[in-house]
């Protein structure tokens, strides 16, 4: 085992889009002794999620901010290399909130054991991980689409949005995706089976919604906020459900956030708008993961991971790719080779 653990720590609170200088590269010895119940995990893949940008702000939220000087918070998939936990053995593959570092020490109760014979480790950070569960509970519990309804999702080529559209199709609904660029629109239409794609970079979103949602939008699953949220609100059907999952267009705003101007559409259409985070469903997570795993095994849904390589030092530049729209599917960073 290497003697040194390489880490990425938060060095400063970002102002707008994060800069490389907002993080620092540090080293510390790998612990040689564990307390009872603890596990040492070698990180293999780090999950890169838009929510991480919000964790960097010193602001009230659903989770405490990452402290300046702390290891950057992140979900990780890896392998147990030492254990003093009765249910976590050396060699087990696990996922957990270990941060952007090569090795992490945590209480084994906070780790989830995964079966790599059923799916790859990156898939457990995507379709069978937090993004997949976010899509599952957000759409099925809050959106509640039924056969024949129209579901629209923004950020449709991302880790959450791509699953939302596929789950909508499983419910017998029409799936309309909003994404940026011809490649992403082709991906969601051809590979994921969406009924239509709206390219916000090349066409007017309002016109696209009028074309593809002639009877209105029954469920809108929002990942981006801003002008696209407003466009969807203007096209709601009677008794529509709007699911607020994220607002990636607003995360790096250096001025006042842009809120919805068309909110009165909720009143006119007797619609609802509900925000949530996946931790709201923690007690049902395993049930959702089992059902999703079954659909994946049966080929009813497909998973796609965009895997970057290069170790923890690649984290800053790879993370910024989320906000530049470079990834298709779930973005993960491979930080080490399995041995």
C-alpha atoms as a PDB file:
ATOM      1  CA  UNK A   1       0.000   0.000   0.000  1.00  0.00           C
ATOM      2  CA  UNK A   2       1.206   3.525  -0.785  1.00  0.00           C
ATOM      3  CA  UNK A   3       2.337   5.427   2.281  1.00  0.00           C
ATOM      4  CA  UNK A   4       0.666   8.685   1.214  1.00  0.00           C
ATOM      5  CA  UNK A   5      -2.977   9.631   0.733  1.00  0.00           C
ATOM      6  CA  UNK A   6      -3.439  12.351  -1.918  1.00  0.00           C
ATOM      7  CA  UNK A   7      -6.427  14.627  -1.362  1.00  0.00           C
ATOM      8  CA  UNK A   8      -8.338  17.598  -2.772  1.00  0.00           C
ATOM      9  CA  UNK A   9      -9.412  20.121  -0.135  1.00  0.00           C
ATOM     10  CA  UNK A  10     -11.591  23.214  -0.400  1.00  0.00           C
ATOM     11  CA  UNK A  11      -9.218  26.192  -0.237  1.00  0.00           C
ATOM     12  CA  UNK A  12     -11.674  29.066  -0.732  1.00  0.00           C
ATOM     13  CA  UNK A  13     -15.371  29.759  -1.244  1.00  0.00           C
ATOM     14  CA  UNK A  14     -15.944  30.223  -4.991  1.00  0.00           C
ATOM     15  CA  UNK A  15     -17.303  33.445  -6.434  1.00  0.00           C
ATOM     16  CA  UNK A  16     -19.247  32.307  -9.469  1.00  0.00           C
ATOM     17  CA  UNK A  17     -17.706  29.453 -11.436  1.00  0.00           C
ATOM     18  CA  UNK A  18     -15.051  27.721  -9.287  1.00  0.00           C
ATOM     19  CA  UNK A  19     -11.399  28.287 -10.149  1.00  0.00           C
ATOM     20  CA  UNK A  20      -8.551  25.790  -9.733  1.00  0.00           C
ATOM     21  CA  UNK A  21      -7.264  27.945  -6.874  1.00  0.00           C
ATOM     22  CA  UNK A  22     -10.468  27.244  -4.923  1.00  0.00           C
ATOM     23  CA  UNK A  23      -9.025  23.803  -4.179  1.00  0.00           C
ATOM     24  CA  UNK A  24      -5.713  22.662  -2.783  1.00  0.00           C
ATOM     25  CA  UNK A  25      -3.806  19.399  -3.302  1.00  0.00           C
ATOM     26  CA  UNK A  26      -2.644  17.906  -0.010  1.00  0.00           C
ATOM     27  CA  UNK A  27      -1.012  14.751   1.286  1.00  0.00           C
ATOM     28  CA  UNK A  28      -1.222  12.915   4.573  1.00  0.00           C
ATOM     29  CA  UNK A  29      -0.163   9.475   5.810  1.00  0.00           C
ATOM     30  CA  UNK A  30      -2.589   6.599   5.366  1.00  0.00           C
ATOM     31  CA  UNK A  31      -3.770   5.558   8.852  1.00  0.00           C
ATOM     32  CA  UNK A  32      -2.119   2.367  10.035  1.00  0.00           C
ATOM     33  CA  UNK A  33      -4.560   1.688  12.880  1.00  0.00           C
ATOM     34  CA  UNK A  34      -8.355   1.605  12.808  1.00  0.00           C
ATOM     35  CA  UNK A  35     -10.823   1.954  15.659  1.00  0.00           C
ATOM     36  CA  UNK A  36     -13.518  -0.662  16.187  1.00  0.00           C
ATOM     37  CA  UNK A  37     -16.181  -0.341  13.504  1.00  0.00           C
ATOM     38  CA  UNK A  38     -13.958   1.569  11.118  1.00  0.00           C
ATOM     39  CA  UNK A  39     -13.065   0.656   7.556  1.00  0.00           C
ATOM     40  CA  UNK A  40     -10.247   1.838   5.277  1.00  0.00           C
ATOM     41  CA  UNK A  41     -11.402   2.160   1.657  1.00  0.00           C
ATOM     42  CA  UNK A  42      -9.265   2.612  -1.424  1.00  0.00           C
ATOM     43  CA  UNK A  43     -11.124   4.974  -3.740  1.00  0.00           C
ATOM     44  CA  UNK A  44     -11.474   3.779  -7.335  1.00  0.00           C
ATOM     45  CA  UNK A  45     -14.098   6.185  -8.702  1.00  0.00           C
ATOM     46  CA  UNK A  46     -15.290   9.588  -7.494  1.00  0.00           C
ATOM     47  CA  UNK A  47     -18.771  10.823  -8.392  1.00  0.00           C
ATOM     48  CA  UNK A  48     -18.983  14.344  -9.841  1.00  0.00           C
ATOM     49  CA  UNK A  49     -22.393  15.916  -9.263  1.00  0.00           C
ATOM     50  CA  UNK A  50     -23.781  19.441  -9.782  1.00  0.00           C
ATOM     51  CA  UNK A  51     -24.922  19.465  -6.154  1.00  0.00           C
ATOM     52  CA  UNK A  52     -21.267  19.630  -5.107  1.00  0.00           C
ATOM     53  CA  UNK A  53     -21.173  23.256  -6.255  1.00  0.00           C
ATOM     54  CA  UNK A  54     -23.838  24.132  -3.693  1.00  0.00           C
ATOM     55  CA  UNK A  55     -21.926  22.319  -0.951  1.00  0.00           C
ATOM     56  CA  UNK A  56     -19.056  24.772  -1.472  1.00  0.00           C
ATOM     57  CA  UNK A  57     -21.177  27.789  -0.476  1.00  0.00           C
ATOM     58  CA  UNK A  58     -21.427  29.003   3.109  1.00  0.00           C
ATOM     59  CA  UNK A  59     -25.202  29.180   2.949  1.00  0.00           C
ATOM     60  CA  UNK A  60     -28.206  27.517   4.532  1.00  0.00           C
ATOM     61  CA  UNK A  61     -29.123  24.358   2.643  1.00  0.00           C
ATOM     62  CA  UNK A  62     -30.271  20.782   3.110  1.00  0.00           C
ATOM     63  CA  UNK A  63     -26.719  19.796   4.121  1.00  0.00           C
ATOM     64  CA  UNK A  64     -23.928  21.628   5.927  1.00  0.00           C
ATOM     65  CA  UNK A  65     -21.363  23.277   3.630  1.00  0.00           C
ATOM     66  CA  UNK A  66     -17.920  21.820   3.132  1.00  0.00           C
ATOM     67  CA  UNK A  67     -15.586  23.686   5.459  1.00  0.00           C
ATOM     68  CA  UNK A  68     -12.622  25.577   4.070  1.00  0.00           C
ATOM     69  CA  UNK A  69      -9.646  23.279   4.562  1.00  0.00           C
ATOM     70  CA  UNK A  70     -11.755  20.111   4.564  1.00  0.00           C
ATOM     71  CA  UNK A  71     -11.516  17.296   2.033  1.00  0.00           C
ATOM     72  CA  UNK A  72     -14.004  18.032  -0.751  1.00  0.00           C
ATOM     73  CA  UNK A  73     -17.181  16.072  -0.088  1.00  0.00           C
ATOM     74  CA  UNK A  74     -17.997  13.454  -2.726  1.00  0.00           C
ATOM     75  CA  UNK A  75     -19.537  10.053  -3.166  1.00  0.00           C
ATOM     76  CA  UNK A  76     -16.962   7.366  -3.891  1.00  0.00           C
ATOM     77  CA  UNK A  77     -16.932   3.777  -5.091  1.00  0.00           C
ATOM     78  CA  UNK A  78     -13.992   1.697  -3.920  1.00  0.00           C
ATOM     79  CA  UNK A  79     -12.656  -1.419  -2.280  1.00  0.00           C
ATOM     80  CA  UNK A  80     -12.148  -2.220   1.415  1.00  0.00           C
ATOM     81  CA  UNK A  81      -8.438  -2.696   2.147  1.00  0.00           C
ATOM     82  CA  UNK A  82      -8.615  -2.914   5.959  1.00  0.00           C
ATOM     83  CA  UNK A  83     -11.536  -3.428   8.300  1.00  0.00           C
ATOM     84  CA  UNK A  84     -12.521  -3.595  11.955  1.00  0.00           C
ATOM     85  CA  UNK A  85     -16.225  -3.788  11.086  1.00  0.00           C
ATOM     86  CA  UNK A  86     -18.135  -7.072  11.463  1.00  0.00           C
ATOM     87  CA  UNK A  87     -19.994  -6.728   8.142  1.00  0.00           C
ATOM     88  CA  UNK A  88     -17.363  -5.081   5.934  1.00  0.00           C
ATOM     89  CA  UNK A  89     -14.591  -7.459   4.866  1.00  0.00           C
ATOM     90  CA  UNK A  90     -11.339  -6.783   3.059  1.00  0.00           C
ATOM     91  CA  UNK A  91     -12.043  -7.042  -0.649  1.00  0.00           C
ATOM     92  CA  UNK A  92     -15.654  -5.835  -0.454  1.00  0.00           C
ATOM     93  CA  UNK A  93     -16.681  -3.236  -3.015  1.00  0.00           C
ATOM     94  CA  UNK A  94     -18.531  -0.348  -1.413  1.00  0.00           C
ATOM     95  CA  UNK A  95     -19.909   3.129  -1.979  1.00  0.00           C
ATOM     96  CA  UNK A  96     -20.026   5.980   0.490  1.00  0.00           C
ATOM     97  CA  UNK A  97     -19.357   9.643   1.198  1.00  0.00           C
ATOM     98  CA  UNK A  98     -15.557   9.406   1.385  1.00  0.00           C
ATOM     99  CA  UNK A  99     -14.514  12.643  -0.325  1.00  0.00           C
ATOM    100  CA  UNK A 100     -12.035  13.426  -3.089  1.00  0.00           C
ATOM    101  CA  UNK A 101      -9.049  11.454  -1.841  1.00  0.00           C
ATOM    102  CA  UNK A 102      -7.298   8.185  -2.556  1.00  0.00           C
ATOM    103  CA  UNK A 103      -8.129   6.541   0.785  1.00  0.00           C
ATOM    104  CA  UNK A 104     -10.882   7.168   3.283  1.00  0.00           C
ATOM    105  CA  UNK A 105     -11.520   5.968   6.842  1.00  0.00           C
ATOM    106  CA  UNK A 106     -15.178   5.787   7.864  1.00  0.00           C
ATOM    107  CA  UNK A 107     -17.512   3.837  10.083  1.00  0.00           C
ATOM    108  CA  UNK A 108     -18.544   0.774   8.100  1.00  0.00           C
ATOM    109  CA  UNK A 109     -22.225   1.409   8.848  1.00  0.00           C
ATOM    110  CA  UNK A 110     -22.065   4.379   6.484  1.00  0.00           C
ATOM    111  CA  UNK A 111     -20.999   2.287   3.503  1.00  0.00           C
ATOM    112  CA  UNK A 112     -23.132   0.379   1.048  1.00  0.00           C
ATOM    113  CA  UNK A 113     -21.831  -2.955  -0.202  1.00  0.00           C
ATOM    114  CA  UNK A 114     -22.260  -3.472  -3.962  1.00  0.00           C
ATOM    115  CA  UNK A 115     -22.085  -6.474  -6.266  1.00  0.00           C
ATOM    116  CA  UNK A 116     -19.810  -5.835  -9.240  1.00  0.00           C
ATOM    117  CA  UNK A 117     -21.021  -9.028 -10.933  1.00  0.00           C
ATOM    118  CA  UNK A 118     -24.358  -7.298 -11.518  1.00  0.00           C
ATOM    119  CA  UNK A 119     -23.103  -3.887 -12.633  1.00  0.00           C
ATOM    120  CA  UNK A 120     -19.858  -1.952 -12.881  1.00  0.00           C
ATOM    121  CA  UNK A 121     -18.680   0.249 -10.025  1.00  0.00           C
ATOM    122  CA  UNK A 122     -19.370   3.495 -11.954  1.00  0.00           C
ATOM    123  CA  UNK A 123     -22.975   2.355 -12.453  1.00  0.00           C
ATOM    124  CA  UNK A 124     -23.364   2.268  -8.669  1.00  0.00           C
ATOM    125  CA  UNK A 125     -22.520   5.974  -8.680  1.00  0.00           C
ATOM    126  CA  UNK A 126     -25.007   6.624 -11.488  1.00  0.00           C
ATOM    127  CA  UNK A 127     -28.115   4.677 -12.418  1.00  0.00           C
ATOM    128  CA  UNK A 128     -27.915   2.460  -9.313  1.00  0.00           C
ATOM    129  CA  UNK A 129     -26.668   5.278  -7.100  1.00  0.00           C
ATOM    130  CA  UNK A 130     -27.763   8.724  -5.995  1.00  0.00           C
ATOM    131  CA  UNK A 131     -28.679  10.047  -9.487  1.00  0.00           C
ATOM    132  CA  UNK A 132     -30.763   6.997 -10.309  1.00  0.00           C
ATOM    133  CA  UNK A 133     -32.559   7.114  -6.975  1.00  0.00           C
ATOM    134  CA  UNK A 134     -33.132  10.841  -7.420  1.00  0.00           C
ATOM    135  CA  UNK A 135     -34.854  10.149 -10.738  1.00  0.00           C
ATOM    136  CA  UNK A 136     -36.779   7.189  -9.323  1.00  0.00           C
ATOM    137  CA  UNK A 137     -38.297   8.871  -6.289  1.00  0.00           C
ATOM    138  CA  UNK A 138     -38.616  12.327  -7.807  1.00  0.00           C
ATOM    139  CA  UNK A 139     -40.534  11.110 -10.834  1.00  0.00           C
ATOM    140  CA  UNK A 140     -42.516   8.209  -9.405  1.00  0.00           C
ATOM    141  CA  UNK A 141     -43.366   9.659  -5.972  1.00  0.00           C
ATOM    142  CA  UNK A 142     -43.756  13.346  -6.826  1.00  0.00           C
ATOM    143  CA  UNK A 143     -44.329  13.465 -10.581  1.00  0.00           C
ATOM    144  CA  UNK A 144     -46.579  10.354 -10.604  1.00  0.00           C
ATOM    145  CA  UNK A 145     -46.911  10.051 -14.396  1.00  0.00           C
ATOM    146  CA  UNK A 146     -49.602   7.789 -15.808  1.00  0.00           C
ATOM    147  CA  UNK A 147     -50.112   6.244 -19.208  1.00  0.00           C
ATOM    148  CA  UNK A 148     -50.679   8.789 -21.948  1.00  0.00           C
ATOM    149  CA  UNK A 149     -49.353  11.796 -20.044  1.00  0.00           C
ATOM    150  CA  UNK A 150     -46.467  13.945 -21.239  1.00  0.00           C
ATOM    151  CA  UNK A 151     -43.316  14.189 -19.129  1.00  0.00           C
ATOM    152  CA  UNK A 152     -40.714  16.867 -19.903  1.00  0.00           C
ATOM    153  CA  UNK A 153     -37.268  16.779 -18.301  1.00  0.00           C
ATOM    154  CA  UNK A 154     -34.467  19.340 -18.549  1.00  0.00           C
ATOM    155  CA  UNK A 155     -30.835  18.304 -18.375  1.00  0.00           C
ATOM    156  CA  UNK A 156     -32.099  15.210 -20.167  1.00  0.00           C
ATOM    157  CA  UNK A 157     -28.681  13.889 -21.193  1.00  0.00           C
ATOM    158  CA  UNK A 158     -27.353  14.032 -17.635  1.00  0.00           C
ATOM    159  CA  UNK A 159     -27.192  11.365 -14.964  1.00  0.00           C
ATOM    160  CA  UNK A 160     -30.627  12.149 -13.499  1.00  0.00           C
ATOM    161  CA  UNK A 161     -32.458  13.405 -16.562  1.00  0.00           C
ATOM    162  CA  UNK A 162     -31.639  10.409 -18.718  1.00  0.00           C
ATOM    163  CA  UNK A 163     -33.117   8.043 -16.136  1.00  0.00           C
ATOM    164  CA  UNK A 164     -36.212  10.220 -15.674  1.00  0.00           C
ATOM    165  CA  UNK A 165     -37.095   9.926 -19.358  1.00  0.00           C
ATOM    166  CA  UNK A 166     -36.625   6.159 -19.364  1.00  0.00           C
ATOM    167  CA  UNK A 167     -38.775   5.728 -16.256  1.00  0.00           C
ATOM    168  CA  UNK A 168     -41.477   7.897 -17.822  1.00  0.00           C
ATOM    169  CA  UNK A 169     -41.565   5.541 -20.803  1.00  0.00           C
ATOM    170  CA  UNK A 170     -41.874   2.547 -18.456  1.00  0.00           C
ATOM    171  CA  UNK A 171     -44.996   4.181 -17.009  1.00  0.00           C
ATOM    172  CA  UNK A 172     -46.513   4.506 -20.477  1.00  0.00           C
ATOM    173  CA  UNK A 173     -45.976   8.267 -20.662  1.00  0.00           C
ATOM    174  CA  UNK A 174     -44.444  10.313 -23.463  1.00  0.00           C
ATOM    175  CA  UNK A 175     -40.926  11.573 -22.672  1.00  0.00           C
ATOM    176  CA  UNK A 176     -39.685  14.895 -24.025  1.00  0.00           C
ATOM    177  CA  UNK A 177     -36.099  15.852 -23.200  1.00  0.00           C
ATOM    178  CA  UNK A 178     -34.423  19.254 -23.211  1.00  0.00           C
ATOM    179  CA  UNK A 179     -30.662  19.064 -23.788  1.00  0.00           C
ATOM    180  CA  UNK A 180     -27.827  21.123 -25.248  1.00  0.00           C
ATOM    181  CA  UNK A 181     -26.401  20.173 -28.625  1.00  0.00           C
ATOM    182  CA  UNK A 182     -27.155  17.764 -31.452  1.00  0.00           C
ATOM    183  CA  UNK A 183     -25.082  14.925 -29.983  1.00  0.00           C
ATOM    184  CA  UNK A 184     -26.974  14.943 -26.686  1.00  0.00           C
ATOM    185  CA  UNK A 185     -30.347  15.216 -28.389  1.00  0.00           C
ATOM    186  CA  UNK A 186     -29.523  12.283 -30.632  1.00  0.00           C
ATOM    187  CA  UNK A 187     -28.388  10.299 -27.592  1.00  0.00           C
ATOM    188  CA  UNK A 188     -31.623  10.728 -25.640  1.00  0.00           C
ATOM    189  CA  UNK A 189     -33.802  10.061 -28.675  1.00  0.00           C
ATOM    190  CA  UNK A 190     -31.899   7.131 -30.160  1.00  0.00           C
ATOM    191  CA  UNK A 191     -30.260   5.398 -27.189  1.00  0.00           C
ATOM    192  CA  UNK A 192     -32.650   6.252 -24.362  1.00  0.00           C
ATOM    193  CA  UNK A 193     -35.890   6.133 -26.339  1.00  0.00           C
ATOM    194  CA  UNK A 194     -37.245   9.619 -25.653  1.00  0.00           C
ATOM    195  CA  UNK A 195     -40.145  10.557 -27.926  1.00  0.00           C
ATOM    196  CA  UNK A 196     -38.583  13.901 -28.809  1.00  0.00           C
ATOM    197  CA  UNK A 197     -35.635  16.118 -27.949  1.00  0.00           C
ATOM    198  CA  UNK A 198     -35.458  19.907 -27.770  1.00  0.00           C
ATOM    199  CA  UNK A 199     -32.028  21.422 -28.357  1.00  0.00           C
ATOM    200  CA  UNK A 200     -31.948  24.584 -26.266  1.00  0.00           C
ATOM    201  CA  UNK A 201     -28.742  25.678 -27.996  1.00  0.00           C
ATOM    202  CA  UNK A 202     -30.246  25.567 -31.480  1.00  0.00           C
ATOM    203  CA  UNK A 203     -33.979  26.203 -31.095  1.00  0.00           C
ATOM    204  CA  UNK A 204     -36.448  28.164 -29.040  1.00  0.00           C
ATOM    205  CA  UNK A 205     -37.511  26.030 -26.067  1.00  0.00           C
ATOM    206  CA  UNK A 206     -40.986  27.559 -25.918  1.00  0.00           C
ATOM    207  CA  UNK A 207     -41.560  26.725 -29.579  1.00  0.00           C
ATOM    208  CA  UNK A 208     -40.257  23.210 -29.021  1.00  0.00           C
ATOM    209  CA  UNK A 209     -42.628  22.679 -26.106  1.00  0.00           C
ATOM    210  CA  UNK A 210     -45.566  23.940 -28.149  1.00  0.00           C
ATOM    211  CA  UNK A 211     -44.630  21.532 -30.941  1.00  0.00           C
ATOM    212  CA  UNK A 212     -44.154  18.436 -28.818  1.00  0.00           C
ATOM    213  CA  UNK A 213     -46.594  19.095 -25.967  1.00  0.00           C
ATOM    214  CA  UNK A 214     -49.758  20.164 -27.782  1.00  0.00           C
ATOM    215  CA  UNK A 215     -51.971  19.237 -24.825  1.00  0.00           C
ATOM    216  CA  UNK A 216     -49.548  20.722 -22.318  1.00  0.00           C
ATOM    217  CA  UNK A 217     -46.949  19.346 -19.911  1.00  0.00           C
ATOM    218  CA  UNK A 218     -48.345  16.979 -17.295  1.00  0.00           C
ATOM    219  CA  UNK A 219     -45.057  16.455 -15.441  1.00  0.00           C
ATOM    220  CA  UNK A 220     -42.042  18.747 -15.642  1.00  0.00           C
ATOM    221  CA  UNK A 221     -38.868  17.467 -13.982  1.00  0.00           C
ATOM    222  CA  UNK A 222     -36.488  20.402 -13.600  1.00  0.00           C
ATOM    223  CA  UNK A 223     -32.727  20.096 -13.333  1.00  0.00           C
ATOM    224  CA  UNK A 224     -31.673  23.491 -14.664  1.00  0.00           C
ATOM    225  CA  UNK A 225     -33.941  26.314 -13.450  1.00  0.00           C
ATOM    226  CA  UNK A 226     -33.810  29.789 -14.999  1.00  0.00           C
ATOM    227  CA  UNK A 227     -35.382  30.512 -18.384  1.00  0.00           C
ATOM    228  CA  UNK A 228     -36.068  26.860 -19.185  1.00  0.00           C
ATOM    229  CA  UNK A 229     -38.111  26.463 -16.007  1.00  0.00           C
ATOM    230  CA  UNK A 230     -40.102  29.539 -17.012  1.00  0.00           C
ATOM    231  CA  UNK A 231     -40.728  28.112 -20.472  1.00  0.00           C
ATOM    232  CA  UNK A 232     -42.045  24.867 -19.004  1.00  0.00           C
ATOM    233  CA  UNK A 233     -44.299  26.672 -16.528  1.00  0.00           C
ATOM    234  CA  UNK A 234     -45.876  28.535 -19.437  1.00  0.00           C
ATOM    235  CA  UNK A 235     -46.890  25.216 -21.014  1.00  0.00           C
ATOM    236  CA  UNK A 236     -48.371  23.358 -18.026  1.00  0.00           C
ATOM    237  CA  UNK A 237     -51.448  21.190 -18.408  1.00  0.00           C
ATOM    238  CA  UNK A 238     -54.317  21.122 -15.927  1.00  0.00           C
ATOM    239  CA  UNK A 239     -53.221  19.548 -12.617  1.00  0.00           C
ATOM    240  CA  UNK A 240     -49.588  19.362 -13.725  1.00  0.00           C
ATOM    241  CA  UNK A 241     -46.841  18.372 -11.301  1.00  0.00           C
ATOM    242  CA  UNK A 242     -43.534  20.259 -11.369  1.00  0.00           C
ATOM    243  CA  UNK A 243     -40.621  18.470  -9.690  1.00  0.00           C
ATOM    244  CA  UNK A 244     -37.737  20.723  -8.619  1.00  0.00           C
ATOM    245  CA  UNK A 245     -34.601  18.596  -8.485  1.00  0.00           C
ATOM    246  CA  UNK A 246     -31.858  21.096  -9.301  1.00  0.00           C
ATOM    247  CA  UNK A 247     -30.965  24.373 -10.984  1.00  0.00           C
ATOM    248  CA  UNK A 248     -27.573  23.939 -12.614  1.00  0.00           C
ATOM    249  CA  UNK A 249     -27.996  27.147 -14.626  1.00  0.00           C
ATOM    250  CA  UNK A 250     -28.037  29.095 -11.351  1.00  0.00           C
ATOM    251  CA  UNK A 251     -25.337  27.391  -9.274  1.00  0.00           C
ATOM    252  CA  UNK A 252     -22.518  29.678 -10.407  1.00  0.00           C
ATOM    253  CA  UNK A 253     -24.548  32.891 -10.528  1.00  0.00           C
ATOM    254  CA  UNK A 254     -22.564  35.827  -9.154  1.00  0.00           C
ATOM    255  CA  UNK A 255     -25.680  37.977  -8.968  1.00  0.00           C
ATOM    256  CA  UNK A 256     -29.209  37.442  -7.661  1.00  0.00           C
ATOM    257  CA  UNK A 257     -30.727  34.117  -8.663  1.00  0.00           C
ATOM    258  CA  UNK A 258     -33.301  34.167 -11.442  1.00  0.00           C
ATOM    259  CA  UNK A 259     -36.627  32.911 -10.134  1.00  0.00           C
ATOM    260  CA  UNK A 260     -39.689  31.803 -12.101  1.00  0.00           C
ATOM    261  CA  UNK A 261     -41.705  34.660 -13.590  1.00  0.00           C
ATOM    262  CA  UNK A 262     -44.493  32.334 -14.760  1.00  0.00           C
ATOM    263  CA  UNK A 263     -45.375  30.986 -11.336  1.00  0.00           C
ATOM    264  CA  UNK A 264     -49.019  32.077 -11.712  1.00  0.00           C
ATOM    265  CA  UNK A 265     -49.373  29.230 -14.177  1.00  0.00           C
ATOM    266  CA  UNK A 266     -49.434  26.991 -11.102  1.00  0.00           C
ATOM    267  CA  UNK A 267     -52.557  28.813  -9.914  1.00  0.00           C
ATOM    268  CA  UNK A 268     -54.289  28.935 -13.287  1.00  0.00           C
ATOM    269  CA  UNK A 269     -53.672  25.254 -13.979  1.00  0.00           C
ATOM    270  CA  UNK A 270     -54.251  23.976 -10.425  1.00  0.00           C
ATOM    271  CA  UNK A 271     -50.706  22.645 -10.587  1.00  0.00           C
ATOM    272  CA  UNK A 272     -48.154  21.858  -7.900  1.00  0.00           C
ATOM    273  CA  UNK A 273     -44.417  22.513  -7.666  1.00  0.00           C
ATOM    274  CA  UNK A 274     -42.407  20.454  -5.190  1.00  0.00           C
ATOM    275  CA  UNK A 275     -38.727  20.465  -4.327  1.00  0.00           C
ATOM    276  CA  UNK A 276     -36.926  17.477  -2.856  1.00  0.00           C
ATOM    277  CA  UNK A 277     -33.563  15.834  -2.241  1.00  0.00           C
ATOM    278  CA  UNK A 278     -32.981  12.108  -2.471  1.00  0.00           C
ATOM    279  CA  UNK A 279     -32.080  11.821   1.222  1.00  0.00           C
ATOM    280  CA  UNK A 280     -35.793  12.388   1.908  1.00  0.00           C
ATOM    281  CA  UNK A 281     -36.236   8.782   0.792  1.00  0.00           C
ATOM    282  CA  UNK A 282     -33.349   7.201   2.679  1.00  0.00           C
ATOM    283  CA  UNK A 283     -35.543   4.575   4.338  1.00  0.00           C
ATOM    284  CA  UNK A 284     -36.752   3.370   0.921  1.00  0.00           C
ATOM    285  CA  UNK A 285     -33.452   3.589  -0.935  1.00  0.00           C
ATOM    286  CA  UNK A 286     -32.796  -0.158  -1.034  1.00  0.00           C
ATOM    287  CA  UNK A 287     -36.283  -0.900  -2.403  1.00  0.00           C
ATOM    288  CA  UNK A 288     -35.772   1.606  -5.206  1.00  0.00           C
ATOM    289  CA  UNK A 289     -32.305   0.276  -5.990  1.00  0.00           C
ATOM    290  CA  UNK A 290     -33.608  -3.296  -6.236  1.00  0.00           C
ATOM    291  CA  UNK A 291     -36.320  -2.317  -8.699  1.00  0.00           C
ATOM    292  CA  UNK A 292     -33.912  -0.232 -10.747  1.00  0.00           C
ATOM    293  CA  UNK A 293     -31.389  -3.093 -10.803  1.00  0.00           C
ATOM    294  CA  UNK A 294     -34.093  -5.406 -12.087  1.00  0.00           C
ATOM    295  CA  UNK A 295     -35.015  -3.039 -14.913  1.00  0.00           C
ATOM    296  CA  UNK A 296     -31.359  -2.637 -15.781  1.00  0.00           C
ATOM    297  CA  UNK A 297     -30.791  -6.408 -15.879  1.00  0.00           C
ATOM    298  CA  UNK A 298     -33.862  -6.861 -18.067  1.00  0.00           C
ATOM    299  CA  UNK A 299     -32.695  -4.190 -20.494  1.00  0.00           C
ATOM    300  CA  UNK A 300     -35.693  -1.961 -19.770  1.00  0.00           C
ATOM    301  CA  UNK A 301     -33.365   0.897 -18.901  1.00  0.00           C
ATOM    302  CA  UNK A 302     -29.781   1.554 -19.955  1.00  0.00           C
ATOM    303  CA  UNK A 303     -26.927   3.145 -18.030  1.00  0.00           C
ATOM    304  CA  UNK A 304     -24.159   5.331 -19.386  1.00  0.00           C
ATOM    305  CA  UNK A 305     -21.145   6.611 -17.485  1.00  0.00           C
ATOM    306  CA  UNK A 306     -18.718   9.210 -18.774  1.00  0.00           C
ATOM    307  CA  UNK A 307     -15.477   8.129 -17.097  1.00  0.00           C
ATOM    308  CA  UNK A 308     -12.572  10.562 -16.869  1.00  0.00           C
ATOM    309  CA  UNK A 309      -9.133   9.327 -15.851  1.00  0.00           C
ATOM    310  CA  UNK A 310      -6.029  10.812 -14.279  1.00  0.00           C
ATOM    311  CA  UNK A 311      -6.292  10.565 -10.503  1.00  0.00           C
ATOM    312  CA  UNK A 312      -7.513  12.988  -7.849  1.00  0.00           C
ATOM    313  CA  UNK A 313      -5.421  15.829  -9.297  1.00  0.00           C
ATOM    314  CA  UNK A 314      -7.790  15.880 -12.286  1.00  0.00           C
ATOM    315  CA  UNK A 315     -10.778  16.667 -10.078  1.00  0.00           C
ATOM    316  CA  UNK A 316     -10.922  20.485 -10.488  1.00  0.00           C
ATOM    317  CA  UNK A 317     -10.865  20.548 -14.280  1.00  0.00           C
ATOM    318  CA  UNK A 318     -13.113  17.491 -14.606  1.00  0.00           C
ATOM    319  CA  UNK A 319     -15.670  18.918 -12.180  1.00  0.00           C
ATOM    320  CA  UNK A 320     -15.895  22.147 -14.166  1.00  0.00           C
ATOM    321  CA  UNK A 321     -16.848  20.078 -17.203  1.00  0.00           C
ATOM    322  CA  UNK A 322     -20.283  19.595 -15.596  1.00  0.00           C
ATOM    323  CA  UNK A 323     -21.032  23.289 -16.072  1.00  0.00           C
ATOM    324  CA  UNK A 324     -19.648  23.387 -19.580  1.00  0.00           C
ATOM    325  CA  UNK A 325     -21.871  20.538 -20.739  1.00  0.00           C
ATOM    326  CA  UNK A 326     -19.007  18.267 -21.769  1.00  0.00           C
ATOM    327  CA  UNK A 327     -20.374  15.017 -20.319  1.00  0.00           C
ATOM    328  CA  UNK A 328     -23.130  12.723 -21.513  1.00  0.00           C
ATOM    329  CA  UNK A 329     -24.590  10.489 -18.827  1.00  0.00           C
ATOM    330  CA  UNK A 330     -23.080  10.131 -15.371  1.00  0.00           C
ATOM    331  CA  UNK A 331     -19.691  11.846 -14.946  1.00  0.00           C
ATOM    332  CA  UNK A 332     -17.211   9.996 -12.741  1.00  0.00           C
ATOM    333  CA  UNK A 333     -13.485  10.358 -12.198  1.00  0.00           C
ATOM    334  CA  UNK A 334     -11.357   7.222 -11.996  1.00  0.00           C
ATOM    335  CA  UNK A 335      -8.754   7.895  -9.336  1.00  0.00           C
ATOM    336  CA  UNK A 336      -7.065   4.485  -9.172  1.00  0.00           C
ATOM    337  CA  UNK A 337      -6.879   1.094 -10.841  1.00  0.00           C
ATOM    338  CA  UNK A 338      -8.340  -1.893  -9.062  1.00  0.00           C
ATOM    339  CA  UNK A 339      -5.761  -4.487  -8.029  1.00  0.00           C
END
